[in-house]
């Protein structure tokens, strides 16, 4: 398993542990983890698409997931761009 795959699995678990997140959807075809991690030179990108529980405000949940991902990715040598989308509210 590559370092990116391991990181993607870790980030997926982090997203699922965030209050208000019901589910994480695959961010790309054939991915084992649900958060997509890509790197290009000195930068990287993390993408997540989530389902938010209806009793949690969507903007707050998106912000909390983004903050959690950014905090974890701050330990990586690359500077990461974090994108989180809500695909469904349940």
C-alpha atoms as a PDB file:
ATOM      1  CA  UNK A   1       0.000   0.000   0.000  1.00  0.00           C
ATOM      2  CA  UNK A   2       1.405   3.421  -0.945  1.00  0.00           C
ATOM      3  CA  UNK A   3       1.865   6.292   1.465  1.00  0.00           C
ATOM      4  CA  UNK A   4      -0.941   8.169  -0.316  1.00  0.00           C
ATOM      5  CA  UNK A   5      -3.281   5.193   0.092  1.00  0.00           C
ATOM      6  CA  UNK A   6      -2.495   5.003   3.789  1.00  0.00           C
ATOM      7  CA  UNK A   7      -3.003   8.755   4.153  1.00  0.00           C
ATOM      8  CA  UNK A   8      -6.313   8.557   2.256  1.00  0.00           C
ATOM      9  CA  UNK A   9      -7.542   5.814   4.605  1.00  0.00           C
ATOM     10  CA  UNK A  10      -6.516   7.874   7.625  1.00  0.00           C
ATOM     11  CA  UNK A  11      -8.290  10.951   6.271  1.00  0.00           C
ATOM     12  CA  UNK A  12     -11.420   8.920   5.503  1.00  0.00           C
ATOM     13  CA  UNK A  13     -11.557   7.748   9.134  1.00  0.00           C
ATOM     14  CA  UNK A  14     -11.045  11.344  10.280  1.00  0.00           C
ATOM     15  CA  UNK A  15     -13.944  12.546   8.116  1.00  0.00           C
ATOM     16  CA  UNK A  16     -16.246   9.781   9.375  1.00  0.00           C
ATOM     17  CA  UNK A  17     -15.404  10.743  12.976  1.00  0.00           C
ATOM     18  CA  UNK A  18     -16.581  14.325  12.402  1.00  0.00           C
ATOM     19  CA  UNK A  19     -19.979  15.076  13.994  1.00  0.00           C
ATOM     20  CA  UNK A  20     -22.709  15.373  11.382  1.00  0.00           C
ATOM     21  CA  UNK A  21     -21.073  13.144   8.776  1.00  0.00           C
ATOM     22  CA  UNK A  22     -23.289  10.185   7.855  1.00  0.00           C
ATOM     23  CA  UNK A  23     -21.182   8.751   5.049  1.00  0.00           C
ATOM     24  CA  UNK A  24     -18.201   9.460   2.790  1.00  0.00           C
ATOM     25  CA  UNK A  25     -18.609   8.780  -0.924  1.00  0.00           C
ATOM     26  CA  UNK A  26     -15.817   7.662  -3.264  1.00  0.00           C
ATOM     27  CA  UNK A  27     -13.954  10.671  -4.651  1.00  0.00           C
ATOM     28  CA  UNK A  28     -12.741   8.701  -7.669  1.00  0.00           C
ATOM     29  CA  UNK A  29     -13.228   5.433  -9.486  1.00  0.00           C
ATOM     30  CA  UNK A  30     -11.434   2.408  -8.090  1.00  0.00           C
ATOM     31  CA  UNK A  31     -10.316   4.052  -4.861  1.00  0.00           C
ATOM     32  CA  UNK A  32      -9.999   1.882  -1.774  1.00  0.00           C
ATOM     33  CA  UNK A  33     -10.278   4.877   0.528  1.00  0.00           C
ATOM     34  CA  UNK A  34     -12.996   7.458   0.100  1.00  0.00           C
ATOM     35  CA  UNK A  35     -10.961  10.628   0.458  1.00  0.00           C
ATOM     36  CA  UNK A  36      -8.860  11.249  -2.637  1.00  0.00           C
ATOM     37  CA  UNK A  37      -5.263  12.343  -2.122  1.00  0.00           C
ATOM     38  CA  UNK A  38      -3.101  13.545  -5.008  1.00  0.00           C
ATOM     39  CA  UNK A  39       0.323  15.183  -5.005  1.00  0.00           C
ATOM     40  CA  UNK A  40       2.117  17.182  -7.650  1.00  0.00           C
ATOM     41  CA  UNK A  41       5.517  18.600  -6.804  1.00  0.00           C
ATOM     42  CA  UNK A  42       5.365  20.879  -3.761  1.00  0.00           C
ATOM     43  CA  UNK A  43       1.588  20.760  -3.469  1.00  0.00           C
ATOM     44  CA  UNK A  44      -1.181  18.266  -2.926  1.00  0.00           C
ATOM     45  CA  UNK A  45      -4.926  17.988  -2.955  1.00  0.00           C
ATOM     46  CA  UNK A  46      -7.419  16.193  -0.715  1.00  0.00           C
ATOM     47  CA  UNK A  47     -11.025  15.808  -1.863  1.00  0.00           C
ATOM     48  CA  UNK A  48     -14.005  14.428   0.052  1.00  0.00           C
ATOM     49  CA  UNK A  49     -17.696  14.151  -0.765  1.00  0.00           C
ATOM     50  CA  UNK A  50     -19.931  13.543   2.248  1.00  0.00           C
ATOM     51  CA  UNK A  51     -23.501  12.906   3.318  1.00  0.00           C
ATOM     52  CA  UNK A  52     -24.547  15.201   6.181  1.00  0.00           C
ATOM     53  CA  UNK A  53     -27.123  14.275   8.813  1.00  0.00           C
ATOM     54  CA  UNK A  54     -30.110  16.615   8.526  1.00  0.00           C
ATOM     55  CA  UNK A  55     -29.950  17.662  12.192  1.00  0.00           C
ATOM     56  CA  UNK A  56     -26.490  19.179  11.598  1.00  0.00           C
ATOM     57  CA  UNK A  57     -26.051  22.435   9.678  1.00  0.00           C
ATOM     58  CA  UNK A  58     -24.393  21.639   6.362  1.00  0.00           C
ATOM     59  CA  UNK A  59     -22.085  24.703   6.279  1.00  0.00           C
ATOM     60  CA  UNK A  60     -20.848  23.976   9.803  1.00  0.00           C
ATOM     61  CA  UNK A  61     -20.245  20.307   9.020  1.00  0.00           C
ATOM     62  CA  UNK A  62     -18.355  21.135   5.813  1.00  0.00           C
ATOM     63  CA  UNK A  63     -16.231  23.658   7.711  1.00  0.00           C
ATOM     64  CA  UNK A  64     -15.446  21.164  10.500  1.00  0.00           C
ATOM     65  CA  UNK A  65     -14.449  18.444   8.030  1.00  0.00           C
ATOM     66  CA  UNK A  66     -12.263  20.914   6.122  1.00  0.00           C
ATOM     67  CA  UNK A  67     -10.574  22.034   9.334  1.00  0.00           C
ATOM     68  CA  UNK A  68      -9.959  18.450  10.479  1.00  0.00           C
ATOM     69  CA  UNK A  69      -8.405  17.523   7.139  1.00  0.00           C
ATOM     70  CA  UNK A  70      -6.299  20.690   6.990  1.00  0.00           C
ATOM     71  CA  UNK A  71      -5.030  20.149  10.545  1.00  0.00           C
ATOM     72  CA  UNK A  72      -3.905  16.598   9.746  1.00  0.00           C
ATOM     73  CA  UNK A  73      -2.406  17.570   6.389  1.00  0.00           C
ATOM     74  CA  UNK A  74      -0.357  20.357   7.999  1.00  0.00           C
ATOM     75  CA  UNK A  75       2.056  17.583   9.082  1.00  0.00           C
ATOM     76  CA  UNK A  76       2.769  16.648   5.447  1.00  0.00           C
ATOM     77  CA  UNK A  77       5.713  18.226   3.594  1.00  0.00           C
ATOM     78  CA  UNK A  78       3.478  19.451   0.752  1.00  0.00           C
ATOM     79  CA  UNK A  79       0.975  22.278   1.039  1.00  0.00           C
ATOM     80  CA  UNK A  80      -2.483  20.762   0.505  1.00  0.00           C
ATOM     81  CA  UNK A  81      -5.619  22.234  -0.994  1.00  0.00           C
ATOM     82  CA  UNK A  82      -8.688  20.732   0.734  1.00  0.00           C
ATOM     83  CA  UNK A  83     -12.071  20.424  -0.991  1.00  0.00           C
ATOM     84  CA  UNK A  84     -15.152  19.063   0.799  1.00  0.00           C
ATOM     85  CA  UNK A  85     -18.580  18.808  -0.826  1.00  0.00           C
ATOM     86  CA  UNK A  86     -21.944  17.686   0.502  1.00  0.00           C
ATOM     87  CA  UNK A  87     -23.588  15.363  -1.988  1.00  0.00           C
ATOM     88  CA  UNK A  88     -26.587  14.473   0.120  1.00  0.00           C
ATOM     89  CA  UNK A  89     -28.336  15.508   3.315  1.00  0.00           C
ATOM     90  CA  UNK A  90     -30.029  12.732   5.213  1.00  0.00           C
END
